[in-house]
Amino acid sequence: MRVEKKVYRWIALLLLCAGVGPAGWMQAADGQTVTVEAMLIHASDRPAALDARMDRVEYRLRRIFQFEHYGLLNIIQSAMTLPSQARLDIGHGYVLNIDASQRDGRVRAQVEWYQGSTRLLSTSVQQRRNVPAILGGPPHDGGTLILVLEFR
């Protein structure tokens, strides 16, 4: 019994010295780099060109929004070191402000979507890496705009 306690104490001491203790866990979450991918999509019932880059999300879009066609307007990627803020120009006059951090293995982000100086959407997302967040946007050209965010 006494030997086990000594072993556990040595293991705890070694982990703390290596920065793996509670303070080290917090530091490990900070400073990690993620790549954020933003897809701007136009959903409508009018025919649109198919884009293979939407294959991984199109079935979800159909289930959620129930439009016939989904056209990719733009796709961008940007690296972020967490925690940090980023401003992403996603094209067609739209901009995203993202304030992201990481906690419990998930990326937490406050997302604001603007057209010029008009805020279209303000929301929080909490996602695991490589799992897309799908955000419905404003009406546009007989359909609606959709934003797909993914942190990798």
N, C-alpha and C. Protein backbone atom coordinates (compact mmCIF):
# COMPACT_ATOMS: atom_id res chain seq x y z
N MET A 1 0.82 -1.18 0.00
CA MET A 1 0.00 0.00 0.00
C MET A 1 0.87 1.25 0.00
N ARG A 2 1.89 1.29 0.81
CA ARG A 2 2.78 2.42 0.92
C ARG A 2 3.57 2.61 -0.38
N VAL A 3 3.96 1.53 -1.03
CA VAL A 3 4.71 1.59 -2.28
C VAL A 3 3.83 2.19 -3.38
N GLU A 4 2.55 1.80 -3.43
CA GLU A 4 1.63 2.33 -4.42
C GLU A 4 1.48 3.85 -4.29
N LYS A 5 1.37 4.36 -3.07
CA LYS A 5 1.24 5.80 -2.86
C LYS A 5 2.48 6.52 -3.37
N LYS A 6 3.67 5.95 -3.09
CA LYS A 6 4.91 6.58 -3.56
C LYS A 6 4.96 6.59 -5.09
N VAL A 7 4.54 5.50 -5.69
CA VAL A 7 4.54 5.43 -7.16
C VAL A 7 3.60 6.47 -7.74
N TYR A 8 2.41 6.59 -7.18
CA TYR A 8 1.44 7.58 -7.66
C TYR A 8 1.96 9.01 -7.48
N ARG A 9 2.63 9.25 -6.35
CA ARG A 9 3.19 10.58 -6.12
C ARG A 9 4.27 10.90 -7.16
N TRP A 10 5.13 9.93 -7.45
CA TRP A 10 6.19 10.15 -8.44
C TRP A 10 5.59 10.37 -9.83
N ILE A 11 4.58 9.62 -10.17
CA ILE A 11 3.93 9.80 -11.47
C ILE A 11 3.30 11.19 -11.55
N ALA A 12 2.61 11.59 -10.48
CA ALA A 12 1.99 12.92 -10.46
C ALA A 12 3.05 14.01 -10.56
N LEU A 13 4.17 13.85 -9.85
CA LEU A 13 5.25 14.83 -9.90
C LEU A 13 5.85 14.90 -11.29
N LEU A 14 6.08 13.76 -11.92
CA LEU A 14 6.63 13.75 -13.28
C LEU A 14 5.68 14.41 -14.27
N LEU A 15 4.40 14.12 -14.15
CA LEU A 15 3.43 14.74 -15.05
C LEU A 15 3.37 16.25 -14.86
N LEU A 16 3.43 16.70 -13.61
CA LEU A 16 3.40 18.14 -13.35
C LEU A 16 4.65 18.82 -13.91
N CYS A 17 5.80 18.17 -13.74
CA CYS A 17 7.04 18.74 -14.27
C CYS A 17 7.02 18.79 -15.79
N ALA A 18 6.35 17.84 -16.40
CA ALA A 18 6.27 17.80 -17.87
C ALA A 18 5.18 18.72 -18.39
N GLY A 19 4.47 19.40 -17.50
CA GLY A 19 3.43 20.33 -17.93
C GLY A 19 2.13 19.64 -18.30
N VAL A 20 1.90 18.44 -17.79
CA VAL A 20 0.70 17.71 -18.12
C VAL A 20 -0.34 17.79 -17.01
N GLY A 21 -0.02 18.48 -15.94
CA GLY A 21 -0.97 18.65 -14.85
C GLY A 21 -2.05 19.63 -15.24
N PRO A 22 -2.92 20.00 -14.31
CA PRO A 22 -4.03 20.89 -14.62
C PRO A 22 -3.60 22.19 -15.30
N ALA A 23 -2.54 22.83 -14.86
CA ALA A 23 -2.09 24.06 -15.52
C ALA A 23 -1.61 23.75 -16.94
N GLY A 24 -0.96 22.63 -17.13
CA GLY A 24 -0.47 22.24 -18.45
C GLY A 24 -1.60 21.95 -19.42
N TRP A 25 -2.72 21.41 -18.91
CA TRP A 25 -3.86 21.15 -19.79
C TRP A 25 -4.38 22.44 -20.39
N MET A 26 -4.46 23.49 -19.57
CA MET A 26 -4.95 24.77 -20.06
C MET A 26 -3.99 25.34 -21.09
N GLN A 27 -2.69 25.21 -20.84
CA GLN A 27 -1.71 25.73 -21.79
C GLN A 27 -1.74 24.94 -23.08
N ALA A 28 -1.97 23.66 -22.99
CA ALA A 28 -1.98 22.85 -24.21
C ALA A 28 -3.11 23.27 -25.14
N ALA A 29 -4.24 23.71 -24.59
CA ALA A 29 -5.35 24.14 -25.43
C ALA A 29 -5.03 25.45 -26.13
N ASP A 30 -4.27 26.34 -25.47
CA ASP A 30 -3.90 27.60 -26.07
C ASP A 30 -2.75 27.37 -27.03
N GLY A 31 -2.69 28.19 -28.06
CA GLY A 31 -1.57 28.13 -28.98
C GLY A 31 -1.70 27.08 -30.06
N GLN A 32 -2.77 26.31 -30.07
CA GLN A 32 -2.96 25.32 -31.12
C GLN A 32 -3.46 26.00 -32.38
N THR A 33 -2.98 25.54 -33.51
CA THR A 33 -3.41 26.11 -34.78
C THR A 33 -4.50 25.25 -35.38
N VAL A 34 -5.55 25.92 -35.84
CA VAL A 34 -6.62 25.25 -36.57
C VAL A 34 -6.77 25.95 -37.91
N THR A 35 -7.29 25.23 -38.86
CA THR A 35 -7.66 25.83 -40.13
C THR A 35 -9.17 25.91 -40.16
N VAL A 36 -9.67 27.11 -40.37
CA VAL A 36 -11.12 27.29 -40.49
C VAL A 36 -11.44 27.35 -41.98
N GLU A 37 -12.44 26.57 -42.38
CA GLU A 37 -12.92 26.59 -43.76
C GLU A 37 -14.34 27.12 -43.74
N ALA A 38 -14.59 28.11 -44.58
CA ALA A 38 -15.93 28.69 -44.69
C ALA A 38 -16.43 28.50 -46.12
N MET A 39 -17.60 27.91 -46.25
CA MET A 39 -18.24 27.71 -47.56
C MET A 39 -19.49 28.58 -47.61
N LEU A 40 -19.58 29.43 -48.60
CA LEU A 40 -20.77 30.24 -48.83
C LEU A 40 -21.57 29.56 -49.93
N ILE A 41 -22.79 29.17 -49.61
CA ILE A 41 -23.61 28.36 -50.50
C ILE A 41 -24.94 29.05 -50.75
N HIS A 42 -25.41 28.98 -51.99
CA HIS A 42 -26.73 29.50 -52.34
C HIS A 42 -27.65 28.31 -52.56
N ALA A 43 -28.71 28.24 -51.77
CA ALA A 43 -29.70 27.18 -51.88
C ALA A 43 -30.92 27.74 -52.58
N SER A 44 -31.40 27.02 -53.60
CA SER A 44 -32.61 27.47 -54.31
C SER A 44 -33.21 26.27 -55.04
N ASP A 45 -34.35 26.51 -55.67
CA ASP A 45 -34.98 25.46 -56.46
C ASP A 45 -34.62 25.59 -57.93
N ARG A 46 -33.77 26.56 -58.26
CA ARG A 46 -33.29 26.71 -59.64
C ARG A 46 -32.02 25.90 -59.82
N PRO A 47 -31.83 25.31 -60.99
CA PRO A 47 -30.63 24.49 -61.22
C PRO A 47 -29.34 25.26 -60.94
N ALA A 48 -28.38 24.57 -60.38
CA ALA A 48 -27.06 25.12 -60.09
C ALA A 48 -26.01 24.08 -60.45
N ALA A 49 -24.84 24.55 -60.81
CA ALA A 49 -23.75 23.63 -61.16
C ALA A 49 -23.34 22.81 -59.93
N LEU A 50 -23.09 21.54 -60.15
CA LEU A 50 -22.63 20.68 -59.07
C LEU A 50 -21.16 20.95 -58.79
N ASP A 51 -20.78 20.92 -57.53
CA ASP A 51 -19.40 21.15 -57.13
C ASP A 51 -19.01 20.04 -56.16
N ALA A 52 -18.03 19.26 -56.52
CA ALA A 52 -17.61 18.11 -55.71
C ALA A 52 -17.14 18.51 -54.32
N ARG A 53 -16.73 19.76 -54.13
CA ARG A 53 -16.26 20.21 -52.81
C ARG A 53 -17.40 20.26 -51.79
N MET A 54 -18.65 20.19 -52.27
CA MET A 54 -19.79 20.19 -51.35
C MET A 54 -20.30 18.78 -51.05
N ASP A 55 -19.70 17.77 -51.64
CA ASP A 55 -20.17 16.39 -51.46
C ASP A 55 -20.32 15.99 -50.00
N ARG A 56 -19.40 16.41 -49.16
CA ARG A 56 -19.42 15.97 -47.76
C ARG A 56 -20.51 16.64 -46.92
N VAL A 57 -21.13 17.72 -47.44
CA VAL A 57 -22.17 18.41 -46.67
C VAL A 57 -23.51 18.48 -47.38
N GLU A 58 -23.56 18.21 -48.69
CA GLU A 58 -24.79 18.43 -49.44
C GLU A 58 -25.96 17.61 -48.91
N TYR A 59 -25.74 16.38 -48.51
CA TYR A 59 -26.84 15.56 -48.00
C TYR A 59 -27.43 16.17 -46.73
N ARG A 60 -26.59 16.79 -45.89
CA ARG A 60 -27.09 17.46 -44.69
C ARG A 60 -27.90 18.70 -45.07
N LEU A 61 -27.40 19.43 -46.06
CA LEU A 61 -28.11 20.63 -46.50
C LEU A 61 -29.50 20.28 -47.00
N ARG A 62 -29.59 19.21 -47.80
CA ARG A 62 -30.89 18.78 -48.34
C ARG A 62 -31.85 18.41 -47.22
N ARG A 63 -31.36 17.74 -46.22
CA ARG A 63 -32.19 17.31 -45.11
C ARG A 63 -32.68 18.50 -44.28
N ILE A 64 -31.81 19.50 -44.09
CA ILE A 64 -32.16 20.64 -43.25
C ILE A 64 -33.00 21.67 -44.00
N PHE A 65 -32.55 22.06 -45.21
CA PHE A 65 -33.16 23.19 -45.89
C PHE A 65 -34.19 22.80 -46.95
N GLN A 66 -34.11 21.60 -47.49
CA GLN A 66 -35.08 21.04 -48.43
C GLN A 66 -35.25 21.85 -49.72
N PHE A 67 -34.14 22.42 -50.20
CA PHE A 67 -34.13 23.01 -51.53
C PHE A 67 -33.67 21.96 -52.52
N GLU A 68 -33.94 22.19 -53.79
CA GLU A 68 -33.54 21.25 -54.85
C GLU A 68 -32.07 21.35 -55.21
N HIS A 69 -31.53 22.59 -55.20
CA HIS A 69 -30.16 22.79 -55.69
C HIS A 69 -29.34 23.63 -54.71
N TYR A 70 -28.04 23.32 -54.67
CA TYR A 70 -27.10 24.01 -53.79
C TYR A 70 -25.87 24.38 -54.61
N GLY A 71 -25.65 25.67 -54.75
CA GLY A 71 -24.52 26.15 -55.53
C GLY A 71 -23.46 26.77 -54.64
N LEU A 72 -22.21 26.38 -54.84
CA LEU A 72 -21.10 26.92 -54.06
C LEU A 72 -20.71 28.27 -54.63
N LEU A 73 -20.86 29.32 -53.82
CA LEU A 73 -20.49 30.67 -54.25
C LEU A 73 -19.02 30.96 -53.98
N ASN A 74 -18.52 30.46 -52.84
CA ASN A 74 -17.12 30.69 -52.50
C ASN A 74 -16.71 29.73 -51.39
N ILE A 75 -15.43 29.46 -51.35
CA ILE A 75 -14.86 28.66 -50.27
C ILE A 75 -13.51 29.27 -49.93
N ILE A 76 -13.29 29.50 -48.65
CA ILE A 76 -12.00 30.04 -48.22
C ILE A 76 -11.50 29.25 -47.02
N GLN A 77 -10.20 29.30 -46.82
CA GLN A 77 -9.57 28.68 -45.66
C GLN A 77 -8.61 29.68 -45.05
N SER A 78 -8.51 29.63 -43.72
CA SER A 78 -7.60 30.52 -43.01
C SER A 78 -7.11 29.81 -41.76
N ALA A 79 -5.82 29.99 -41.45
CA ALA A 79 -5.25 29.40 -40.24
C ALA A 79 -5.47 30.36 -39.07
N MET A 80 -5.79 29.79 -37.91
CA MET A 80 -5.96 30.56 -36.68
C MET A 80 -5.20 29.85 -35.56
N THR A 81 -4.50 30.61 -34.73
CA THR A 81 -3.89 30.07 -33.53
C THR A 81 -4.82 30.40 -32.38
N LEU A 82 -5.29 29.38 -31.70
CA LEU A 82 -6.30 29.58 -30.66
C LEU A 82 -5.68 29.96 -29.33
N PRO A 83 -6.29 30.85 -28.58
CA PRO A 83 -7.47 31.62 -28.92
C PRO A 83 -7.08 32.81 -29.80
N SER A 84 -7.99 33.21 -30.68
CA SER A 84 -7.75 34.37 -31.53
C SER A 84 -9.03 34.82 -32.21
N GLN A 85 -8.89 35.94 -32.90
CA GLN A 85 -9.99 36.49 -33.67
C GLN A 85 -9.55 36.57 -35.12
N ALA A 86 -10.51 36.42 -36.03
CA ALA A 86 -10.20 36.51 -37.46
C ALA A 86 -11.34 37.21 -38.16
N ARG A 87 -11.00 37.91 -39.21
CA ARG A 87 -11.98 38.55 -40.10
C ARG A 87 -11.78 37.90 -41.46
N LEU A 88 -12.83 37.24 -41.96
CA LEU A 88 -12.74 36.51 -43.22
C LEU A 88 -13.67 37.12 -44.25
N ASP A 89 -13.12 37.51 -45.38
CA ASP A 89 -13.92 37.99 -46.51
C ASP A 89 -14.35 36.75 -47.28
N ILE A 90 -15.65 36.43 -47.22
CA ILE A 90 -16.12 35.21 -47.88
C ILE A 90 -16.71 35.50 -49.26
N GLY A 91 -16.50 36.71 -49.74
CA GLY A 91 -16.92 37.06 -51.09
C GLY A 91 -18.35 37.56 -51.17
N HIS A 92 -18.68 38.13 -52.34
CA HIS A 92 -20.02 38.64 -52.63
C HIS A 92 -20.48 39.70 -51.63
N GLY A 93 -19.51 40.43 -51.03
CA GLY A 93 -19.84 41.49 -50.08
C GLY A 93 -20.07 41.01 -48.66
N TYR A 94 -19.78 39.75 -48.36
CA TYR A 94 -20.01 39.18 -47.03
C TYR A 94 -18.69 38.99 -46.28
N VAL A 95 -18.74 39.26 -44.98
CA VAL A 95 -17.57 39.14 -44.12
C VAL A 95 -17.97 38.39 -42.85
N LEU A 96 -17.05 37.57 -42.34
CA LEU A 96 -17.25 36.88 -41.07
C LEU A 96 -16.25 37.40 -40.05
N ASN A 97 -16.71 37.64 -38.85
CA ASN A 97 -15.83 37.89 -37.70
C ASN A 97 -15.94 36.66 -36.82
N ILE A 98 -14.80 36.03 -36.54
CA ILE A 98 -14.79 34.82 -35.74
C ILE A 98 -13.87 35.02 -34.55
N ASP A 99 -14.38 34.77 -33.35
CA ASP A 99 -13.61 34.83 -32.11
C ASP A 99 -13.61 33.40 -31.57
N ALA A 100 -12.48 32.71 -31.73
CA ALA A 100 -12.44 31.28 -31.43
C ALA A 100 -11.46 30.93 -30.32
N SER A 101 -11.81 29.90 -29.59
CA SER A 101 -10.94 29.32 -28.57
C SER A 101 -11.19 27.83 -28.56
N GLN A 102 -10.41 27.13 -27.74
CA GLN A 102 -10.60 25.69 -27.65
C GLN A 102 -10.78 25.31 -26.19
N ARG A 103 -11.72 24.41 -25.95
CA ARG A 103 -11.99 23.93 -24.60
C ARG A 103 -12.56 22.53 -24.69
N ASP A 104 -12.07 21.66 -23.86
CA ASP A 104 -12.56 20.28 -23.79
C ASP A 104 -12.50 19.59 -25.15
N GLY A 105 -11.48 19.89 -25.93
CA GLY A 105 -11.30 19.24 -27.23
C GLY A 105 -12.21 19.77 -28.32
N ARG A 106 -12.94 20.83 -28.06
CA ARG A 106 -13.85 21.41 -29.05
C ARG A 106 -13.44 22.85 -29.32
N VAL A 107 -13.72 23.27 -30.52
CA VAL A 107 -13.51 24.66 -30.87
C VAL A 107 -14.80 25.39 -30.56
N ARG A 108 -14.68 26.47 -29.81
CA ARG A 108 -15.83 27.32 -29.48
C ARG A 108 -15.62 28.64 -30.20
N ALA A 109 -16.62 29.06 -30.93
CA ALA A 109 -16.47 30.28 -31.72
C ALA A 109 -17.72 31.14 -31.65
N GLN A 110 -17.50 32.42 -31.49
CA GLN A 110 -18.55 33.41 -31.65
C GLN A 110 -18.43 33.87 -33.10
N VAL A 111 -19.50 33.75 -33.86
CA VAL A 111 -19.49 34.05 -35.29
C VAL A 111 -20.46 35.19 -35.58
N GLU A 112 -19.97 36.20 -36.27
CA GLU A 112 -20.81 37.29 -36.74
C GLU A 112 -20.66 37.38 -38.25
N TRP A 113 -21.79 37.43 -38.95
CA TRP A 113 -21.84 37.45 -40.40
C TRP A 113 -22.38 38.81 -40.83
N TYR A 114 -21.61 39.50 -41.64
CA TYR A 114 -21.96 40.86 -42.06
C TYR A 114 -22.09 40.95 -43.58
N GLN A 115 -22.96 41.85 -44.00
CA GLN A 115 -23.01 42.32 -45.38
C GLN A 115 -22.80 43.82 -45.27
N GLY A 116 -21.63 44.29 -45.67
CA GLY A 116 -21.27 45.69 -45.42
C GLY A 116 -21.23 45.92 -43.93
N SER A 117 -21.96 46.93 -43.45
CA SER A 117 -21.99 47.22 -42.02
C SER A 117 -23.21 46.59 -41.33
N THR A 118 -24.02 45.85 -42.09
CA THR A 118 -25.23 45.22 -41.54
C THR A 118 -24.92 43.82 -41.03
N ARG A 119 -25.17 43.60 -39.74
CA ARG A 119 -24.97 42.27 -39.18
C ARG A 119 -26.16 41.41 -39.54
N LEU A 120 -25.89 40.30 -40.23
CA LEU A 120 -26.93 39.37 -40.65
C LEU A 120 -27.18 38.27 -39.63
N LEU A 121 -26.12 37.90 -38.91
CA LEU A 121 -26.22 36.76 -37.99
C LEU A 121 -25.17 36.91 -36.91
N SER A 122 -25.54 36.57 -35.70
CA SER A 122 -24.60 36.49 -34.58
C SER A 122 -24.95 35.24 -33.81
N THR A 123 -24.01 34.32 -33.72
CA THR A 123 -24.29 33.05 -33.04
C THR A 123 -23.01 32.46 -32.47
N SER A 124 -23.16 31.49 -31.61
CA SER A 124 -22.03 30.74 -31.06
C SER A 124 -22.10 29.32 -31.59
N VAL A 125 -20.95 28.77 -31.92
CA VAL A 125 -20.88 27.37 -32.31
C VAL A 125 -19.83 26.69 -31.44
N GLN A 126 -20.07 25.44 -31.17
CA GLN A 126 -19.13 24.60 -30.43
C GLN A 126 -19.02 23.32 -31.21
N GLN A 127 -17.87 23.11 -31.84
CA GLN A 127 -17.72 21.99 -32.76
C GLN A 127 -16.45 21.20 -32.46
N ARG A 128 -16.52 19.92 -32.70
CA ARG A 128 -15.31 19.11 -32.75
C ARG A 128 -14.63 19.42 -34.07
N ARG A 129 -13.36 19.21 -34.11
CA ARG A 129 -12.64 19.40 -35.37
C ARG A 129 -13.19 18.44 -36.42
N ASN A 130 -13.21 18.91 -37.66
CA ASN A 130 -13.65 18.14 -38.82
C ASN A 130 -15.14 17.83 -38.84
N VAL A 131 -15.92 18.54 -38.03
CA VAL A 131 -17.37 18.40 -38.04
C VAL A 131 -17.95 19.76 -38.45
N PRO A 132 -18.63 19.82 -39.58
CA PRO A 132 -19.10 21.13 -40.05
C PRO A 132 -20.29 21.67 -39.25
N ALA A 133 -20.28 22.99 -39.08
CA ALA A 133 -21.43 23.70 -38.50
C ALA A 133 -22.16 24.34 -39.68
N ILE A 134 -23.46 24.15 -39.75
CA ILE A 134 -24.26 24.67 -40.85
C ILE A 134 -25.15 25.78 -40.32
N LEU A 135 -24.99 26.98 -40.91
CA LEU A 135 -25.72 28.14 -40.45
C LEU A 135 -26.57 28.70 -41.59
N GLY A 136 -27.85 28.81 -41.35
CA GLY A 136 -28.75 29.39 -42.32
C GLY A 136 -28.61 30.90 -42.33
N GLY A 137 -28.64 31.47 -43.51
CA GLY A 137 -28.45 32.91 -43.64
C GLY A 137 -29.65 33.60 -44.23
N PRO A 138 -29.42 34.76 -44.80
CA PRO A 138 -30.52 35.58 -45.31
C PRO A 138 -31.05 35.08 -46.65
N PRO A 139 -32.26 35.51 -47.01
CA PRO A 139 -32.78 35.22 -48.35
C PRO A 139 -31.86 35.86 -49.39
N HIS A 140 -31.75 35.18 -50.54
CA HIS A 140 -30.88 35.69 -51.60
C HIS A 140 -31.32 35.13 -52.94
N ASP A 141 -31.64 36.00 -53.87
CA ASP A 141 -31.89 35.63 -55.27
C ASP A 141 -32.82 34.43 -55.41
N GLY A 142 -33.98 34.49 -54.77
CA GLY A 142 -34.97 33.42 -54.89
C GLY A 142 -34.69 32.20 -54.04
N GLY A 143 -33.73 32.28 -53.17
CA GLY A 143 -33.39 31.15 -52.30
C GLY A 143 -32.88 31.68 -50.97
N THR A 144 -31.88 31.03 -50.45
CA THR A 144 -31.28 31.48 -49.20
C THR A 144 -29.79 31.20 -49.22
N LEU A 145 -29.05 31.98 -48.45
CA LEU A 145 -27.62 31.74 -48.30
C LEU A 145 -27.39 30.84 -47.10
N ILE A 146 -26.36 30.00 -47.22
CA ILE A 146 -25.99 29.08 -46.16
C ILE A 146 -24.49 29.21 -45.95
N LEU A 147 -24.08 29.17 -44.70
CA LEU A 147 -22.68 29.21 -44.35
C LEU A 147 -22.32 27.90 -43.68
N VAL A 148 -21.28 27.25 -44.19
CA VAL A 148 -20.78 26.02 -43.57
C VAL A 148 -19.39 26.33 -43.03
N LEU A 149 -19.22 26.18 -41.71
CA LEU A 149 -17.92 26.41 -41.05
C LEU A 149 -17.37 25.09 -40.55
N GLU A 150 -16.09 24.89 -40.79
CA GLU A 150 -15.45 23.68 -40.29
C GLU A 150 -14.07 24.03 -39.78
N PHE A 151 -13.75 23.54 -38.58
CA PHE A 151 -12.43 23.75 -37.99
C PHE A 151 -11.65 22.45 -38.09
N ARG A 152 -10.43 22.53 -38.62
CA ARG A 152 -9.60 21.33 -38.80
C ARG A 152 -8.30 21.47 -38.06
